[in-house]
Amino acid sequence: MSGAQPSLRWRMRESGLDGVTLLVMPGVLFVLALFIYPFLYGLVLSFHPKQGGALANYVTFFSNPYLYDTIWTTLVIAVPVTVLNVVLSVPVALRVRLMQHQRLLTTILVIPITLGTVMVAEGLLTYLGPRGWLNRTLLEFALVNSPIRLVHNYWGVMLSLVITGFPFTFLLTLSYVTGIDPSLEQAGAMLGARARQRFFRILLPLLAPGLAITLALAFVQAFTVFPSAILLGAPAGPTRVISIAAYQAAFEQYDYSLASAIAMLMAGVQVVIIVALLGARSLLFRGPASSGKG
């Protein structure tokens, strides 16, 4: 009938509210409630200090070496850990993909994720502490004269981040490695390319864009270090990372505005690093269409 009103489903489809959109809406609301709103709230709060003008918190941070040095301290920990985890994950993933019991080996390698940061810290204190098994063994066989300091310093935090961060980078790298067509490497072998040549000329160029994403995500994970820096580091000294400064501002000084400003600076540093990595990825690995006319 020409005078019939259009159905509700048809009107929703015309307005763009189809079934897929309705399924996405809960996820959008979840992101808005748990990520976007807290971020915007913290950003606005950072410009409302207890004293001074709108930028007083940021002036306080950058005028106090005890605060702004935490950025460098965090980078000194996060960058080496990120690079080491990604570099280690590549040969391990390449080896695991060729093994018969790939699922079992993958499960074993990702077990540290299930342990949690606190459990890993407790284990490192038991094994590597001054009275831990390692030092007791070394002293028993007279291999050292005094216990080796591997915890409550830089190395304790770094070891913890490597143990807890490697499974994450390994899983991401393994997903990229298994997505490469094995026939490409076989073709290189048939043409006489050795294993090293196949890696650098075939596998690495195909892995590099994905590794850039892995580097970015692994850096964010390492840069936000907090429990490891307290349990295995020296939170008042060499491992006083920026997250500890934010915690002290919020829960020791009860200055939530300053803590929000520090959190915004944390986010800013991470965004700068991620943009740099993704920008380098875009410049180094352009597609054929963007490489210019021959």
Protein backbone atom coordinates (compact mmCIF):
# COMPACT_ATOMS: atom_id res chain seq x y z
CA MET A 1 0.00 0.00 0.00
CA SER A 2 1.26 3.42 -1.01
CA GLY A 3 0.05 5.07 2.18
CA ALA A 4 1.64 2.52 4.54
CA GLN A 5 4.10 3.85 7.08
CA PRO A 6 7.69 2.56 6.73
CA SER A 7 8.67 -0.09 9.24
CA LEU A 8 10.82 0.67 12.28
CA ARG A 9 13.64 -1.54 10.95
CA TRP A 10 13.65 0.31 7.63
CA ARG A 11 13.71 3.71 9.37
CA MET A 12 16.58 2.62 11.62
CA ARG A 13 18.53 1.31 8.63
CA GLU A 14 18.01 4.57 6.77
CA SER A 15 19.32 6.54 9.75
CA GLY A 16 22.42 4.31 9.96
CA LEU A 17 21.32 2.33 13.03
CA ASP A 18 21.57 -1.19 11.66
CA GLY A 19 22.22 -4.33 13.70
CA VAL A 20 26.01 -4.04 13.52
CA THR A 21 25.91 -0.48 14.82
CA LEU A 22 23.72 -1.50 17.74
CA LEU A 23 26.17 -4.29 18.62
CA VAL A 24 29.06 -1.81 18.62
CA MET A 25 27.29 0.70 20.87
CA PRO A 26 27.96 -1.17 24.19
CA GLY A 27 31.67 -1.21 23.37
CA VAL A 28 31.63 2.50 22.56
CA LEU A 29 29.86 3.27 25.83
CA PHE A 30 32.37 1.11 27.70
CA VAL A 31 35.31 3.02 26.19
CA LEU A 32 33.67 6.36 26.95
CA ALA A 33 32.94 5.43 30.56
CA LEU A 34 36.26 3.81 31.47
CA PHE A 35 38.79 5.60 29.25
CA ILE A 36 37.62 8.81 27.59
CA TYR A 37 35.77 10.32 30.56
CA PRO A 38 38.54 9.62 33.14
CA PHE A 39 41.15 11.02 30.76
CA LEU A 40 39.19 14.21 30.10
CA TYR A 41 38.42 14.57 33.80
CA GLY A 42 42.11 14.22 34.68
CA LEU A 43 43.10 16.66 31.95
CA VAL A 44 40.68 19.32 33.23
CA LEU A 45 41.70 18.65 36.85
CA SER A 46 45.38 19.15 35.99
CA PHE A 47 44.61 22.78 35.11
CA HIS A 48 43.00 23.46 38.50
CA PRO A 49 45.94 23.44 40.93
CA LYS A 50 45.68 24.12 44.64
CA GLN A 51 47.64 27.32 44.18
CA GLY A 52 48.63 29.47 41.22
CA GLY A 53 47.38 29.72 37.68
CA ALA A 54 46.14 27.07 35.31
CA LEU A 55 49.66 25.90 34.39
CA ALA A 56 51.00 25.93 37.96
CA ASN A 57 51.16 22.12 38.19
CA TYR A 58 53.19 21.82 35.01
CA VAL A 59 55.50 24.65 36.13
CA THR A 60 55.97 22.86 39.45
CA PHE A 61 56.83 19.61 37.71
CA PHE A 62 59.40 21.03 35.30
CA SER A 63 60.97 23.33 37.91
CA ASN A 64 61.66 20.49 40.35
CA PRO A 65 64.45 18.05 39.34
CA TYR A 66 63.07 15.49 41.80
CA LEU A 67 59.94 15.40 39.61
CA TYR A 68 61.07 15.93 36.03
CA ASP A 69 64.03 13.54 36.36
CA THR A 70 61.47 10.73 36.69
CA ILE A 71 60.78 10.99 32.95
CA TRP A 72 64.39 10.18 32.11
CA THR A 73 64.53 7.45 34.77
CA THR A 74 61.45 5.79 33.32
CA LEU A 75 62.80 6.00 29.76
CA VAL A 76 66.12 4.48 30.85
CA ILE A 77 64.18 1.49 32.17
CA ALA A 78 61.42 1.21 29.56
CA VAL A 79 63.38 1.64 26.33
CA PRO A 80 66.03 -1.11 26.90
CA VAL A 81 63.37 -3.50 28.21
CA THR A 82 61.16 -2.87 25.19
CA VAL A 83 63.96 -3.37 22.67
CA LEU A 84 65.27 -6.47 24.46
CA ASN A 85 61.85 -8.12 24.63
CA VAL A 86 61.14 -7.50 20.96
CA VAL A 87 64.61 -8.62 19.85
CA LEU A 88 64.31 -11.83 21.89
CA SER A 89 60.78 -12.54 20.70
CA VAL A 90 61.73 -12.67 17.01
CA PRO A 91 64.12 -15.69 17.04
CA VAL A 92 61.98 -17.49 19.62
CA ALA A 93 58.83 -17.02 17.53
CA LEU A 94 60.64 -18.11 14.36
CA ARG A 95 61.81 -21.26 16.12
CA VAL A 96 58.51 -22.08 17.83
CA ARG A 97 56.53 -21.88 14.58
CA LEU A 98 58.58 -24.79 13.18
CA MET A 99 58.16 -27.08 16.20
CA GLN A 100 55.58 -29.84 16.44
CA HIS A 101 54.28 -28.97 19.92
CA GLN A 102 53.76 -25.30 19.17
CA ARG A 103 50.73 -24.90 21.41
CA LEU A 104 52.44 -26.50 24.40
CA LEU A 105 55.56 -24.38 24.00
CA THR A 106 53.50 -21.23 23.55
CA THR A 107 51.57 -22.01 26.74
CA ILE A 108 54.81 -22.48 28.68
CA LEU A 109 56.27 -19.23 27.39
CA VAL A 110 53.20 -17.17 28.33
CA ILE A 111 52.86 -18.56 31.88
CA PRO A 112 54.45 -15.41 33.42
CA ILE A 113 51.39 -13.45 32.30
CA THR A 114 49.23 -15.58 34.59
CA LEU A 115 51.52 -15.10 37.58
CA GLY A 116 51.16 -11.34 37.82
CA THR A 117 53.73 -8.71 38.70
CA VAL A 118 53.62 -9.27 42.47
CA MET A 119 54.15 -13.03 42.18
CA VAL A 120 57.06 -12.53 39.79
CA ALA A 121 58.58 -10.00 42.19
CA GLU A 122 58.29 -12.43 45.09
CA GLY A 123 59.93 -15.14 43.01
CA LEU A 124 62.82 -12.88 42.02
CA LEU A 125 63.36 -11.89 45.65
CA THR A 126 63.46 -15.57 46.61
CA TYR A 127 65.89 -16.57 43.86
CA LEU A 128 68.01 -13.45 43.38
CA GLY A 129 67.86 -11.67 46.74
CA PRO A 130 70.89 -11.34 49.05
CA ARG A 131 69.80 -14.55 50.80
CA GLY A 132 68.32 -16.09 47.67
CA TRP A 133 69.22 -19.39 46.10
CA LEU A 134 71.54 -17.90 43.51
CA ASN A 135 73.70 -15.98 45.97
CA ARG A 136 73.74 -18.85 48.45
CA THR A 137 74.94 -21.18 45.71
CA LEU A 138 77.63 -18.76 44.54
CA LEU A 139 78.84 -18.22 48.11
CA GLU A 140 78.76 -21.94 48.86
CA PHE A 141 81.11 -22.70 45.97
CA ALA A 142 83.23 -19.62 46.73
CA LEU A 143 82.51 -18.11 43.32
CA VAL A 144 81.89 -14.69 44.88
CA ASN A 145 83.00 -13.05 48.11
CA SER A 146 79.75 -11.19 48.78
CA PRO A 147 76.16 -11.45 47.51
CA ILE A 148 75.50 -10.03 44.06
CA ARG A 149 72.93 -7.23 44.10
CA LEU A 150 70.29 -8.14 41.54
CA VAL A 151 67.25 -6.74 43.35
CA HIS A 152 66.30 -3.42 44.95
CA ASN A 153 68.08 -1.65 42.10
CA TYR A 154 67.83 -1.05 38.36
CA TRP A 155 68.50 -4.68 37.45
CA GLY A 156 65.71 -6.02 39.62
CA VAL A 157 63.14 -3.82 37.88
CA MET A 158 64.53 -4.63 34.44
CA LEU A 159 64.48 -8.40 35.05
CA SER A 160 60.90 -8.22 36.26
CA LEU A 161 59.79 -6.26 33.21
CA VAL A 162 61.56 -8.67 30.87
CA ILE A 163 59.89 -11.68 32.50
CA THR A 164 56.41 -10.16 32.51
CA GLY A 165 56.72 -8.33 29.19
CA PHE A 166 58.30 -11.02 27.03
CA PRO A 167 55.16 -13.22 26.78
CA PHE A 168 53.21 -10.21 25.49
CA THR A 169 55.74 -9.36 22.79
CA PHE A 170 56.22 -13.03 21.95
CA LEU A 171 52.52 -13.60 21.31
CA LEU A 172 52.30 -10.54 19.07
CA THR A 173 55.45 -11.50 17.16
CA LEU A 174 54.28 -15.10 16.78
CA SER A 175 51.03 -13.89 15.23
CA TYR A 176 53.00 -11.90 12.66
CA VAL A 177 55.45 -14.74 11.99
CA THR A 178 52.74 -17.34 11.43
CA GLY A 179 51.04 -14.97 8.99
CA ILE A 180 53.99 -15.07 6.58
CA ASP A 181 53.61 -17.50 3.69
CA PRO A 182 56.28 -20.23 4.13
CA SER A 183 56.58 -20.54 0.34
CA LEU A 184 58.36 -17.17 0.25
CA GLU A 185 61.18 -18.46 2.40
CA GLN A 186 61.25 -21.74 0.49
CA ALA A 187 61.57 -19.85 -2.78
CA GLY A 188 64.53 -17.94 -1.37
CA ALA A 189 66.18 -21.19 -0.30
CA MET A 190 65.68 -22.67 -3.76
CA LEU A 191 67.39 -19.61 -5.24
CA GLY A 192 70.42 -20.21 -3.05
CA ALA A 193 69.80 -17.73 -0.21
CA ARG A 194 71.24 -18.79 3.13
CA ALA A 195 69.29 -18.65 6.37
CA ARG A 196 70.71 -15.24 7.32
CA GLN A 197 69.98 -13.84 3.88
CA ARG A 198 66.43 -15.18 3.97
CA PHE A 199 65.89 -13.57 7.35
CA PHE A 200 67.18 -10.11 6.46
CA ARG A 201 65.83 -9.97 2.91
CA ILE A 202 62.51 -11.81 3.22
CA LEU A 203 61.32 -12.27 6.79
CA LEU A 204 62.49 -9.06 8.44
CA PRO A 205 60.98 -6.68 5.84
CA LEU A 206 57.66 -8.49 6.19
CA LEU A 207 57.87 -8.49 10.00
CA ALA A 208 59.08 -4.92 10.43
CA PRO A 209 55.68 -3.13 10.16
CA GLY A 210 54.22 -5.50 12.74
CA LEU A 211 57.26 -5.18 14.97
CA ALA A 212 56.77 -1.41 15.00
CA ILE A 213 53.31 -1.96 16.50
CA THR A 214 54.78 -4.46 18.97
CA LEU A 215 57.44 -1.96 19.98
CA ALA A 216 54.81 0.71 20.59
CA LEU A 217 52.59 -1.52 22.72
CA ALA A 218 55.51 -3.04 24.63
CA PHE A 219 56.86 0.45 25.36
CA VAL A 220 53.53 1.57 26.81
CA GLN A 221 53.50 -1.52 29.03
CA ALA A 222 57.05 -0.92 30.26
CA PHE A 223 56.69 2.86 30.66
CA THR A 224 53.78 2.47 33.08
CA VAL A 225 55.88 0.32 35.43
CA PHE A 226 54.82 0.70 39.07
CA PRO A 227 54.75 -2.47 41.23
CA SER A 228 58.13 -3.71 39.97
CA ALA A 229 59.77 -0.35 40.64
CA ILE A 230 58.56 -0.50 44.26
CA LEU A 231 59.02 -4.19 45.07
CA LEU A 232 62.28 -4.81 43.20
CA GLY A 233 63.75 -1.35 42.78
CA ALA A 234 64.73 1.65 44.85
CA PRO A 235 61.59 3.82 44.74
CA ALA A 236 63.29 6.75 46.46
CA GLY A 237 66.41 6.55 44.31
CA PRO A 238 67.54 5.09 40.96
CA THR A 239 64.15 3.57 40.08
CA ARG A 240 61.87 6.42 41.09
CA VAL A 241 59.79 6.31 37.93
CA ILE A 242 57.15 8.82 36.94
CA SER A 243 54.26 6.60 38.07
CA ILE A 244 55.68 6.69 41.61
CA ALA A 245 55.77 10.50 41.45
CA ALA A 246 52.09 10.49 40.44
CA TYR A 247 51.23 8.06 43.25
CA GLN A 248 53.04 10.15 45.87
CA ALA A 249 51.34 13.33 44.70
CA ALA A 250 47.91 11.71 44.92
CA PHE A 251 48.11 9.52 48.04
CA GLU A 252 50.90 11.06 50.12
CA GLN A 253 50.50 14.77 49.36
CA TYR A 254 46.77 14.42 48.54
CA ASP A 255 47.30 16.77 45.60
CA TYR A 256 45.11 15.12 42.98
CA SER A 257 45.50 18.05 40.63
CA LEU A 258 49.30 17.65 40.53
CA ALA A 259 48.91 13.88 40.21
CA SER A 260 46.61 14.41 37.23
CA ALA A 261 49.18 16.72 35.62
CA ILE A 262 51.88 14.06 36.05
CA ALA A 263 49.55 11.46 34.56
CA MET A 264 48.93 13.73 31.57
CA LEU A 265 52.68 14.10 31.08
CA MET A 266 53.01 10.32 31.20
CA ALA A 267 50.41 10.03 28.48
CA GLY A 268 52.11 12.75 26.47
CA VAL A 269 55.50 11.02 26.50
CA GLN A 270 53.89 7.74 25.43
CA VAL A 271 52.00 9.43 22.61
CA VAL A 272 55.19 11.09 21.34
CA ILE A 273 57.06 7.77 21.29
CA ILE A 274 54.17 5.91 19.63
CA VAL A 275 53.73 8.59 16.97
CA ALA A 276 57.48 8.50 16.28
CA LEU A 277 57.46 4.71 15.90
CA LEU A 278 54.42 4.67 13.66
CA GLY A 279 55.78 7.58 11.65
CA ALA A 280 59.06 5.74 11.11
CA ARG A 281 57.08 2.69 10.09
CA SER A 282 55.13 4.68 7.50
CA LEU A 283 58.28 6.25 6.07
CA LEU A 284 60.34 3.07 5.91
CA PHE A 285 57.67 0.67 4.72
CA ARG A 286 55.54 2.44 2.15
CA GLY A 287 53.49 0.45 -0.28
CA PRO A 288 54.24 0.28 -3.99
CA ALA A 289 51.61 2.91 -4.76
CA SER A 290 53.39 5.52 -2.63
CA SER A 291 56.90 4.76 -3.79
CA GLY A 292 56.60 6.96 -6.87
CA LYS A 293 56.49 6.24 -10.54
CA GLY A 294 59.32 4.25 -12.00
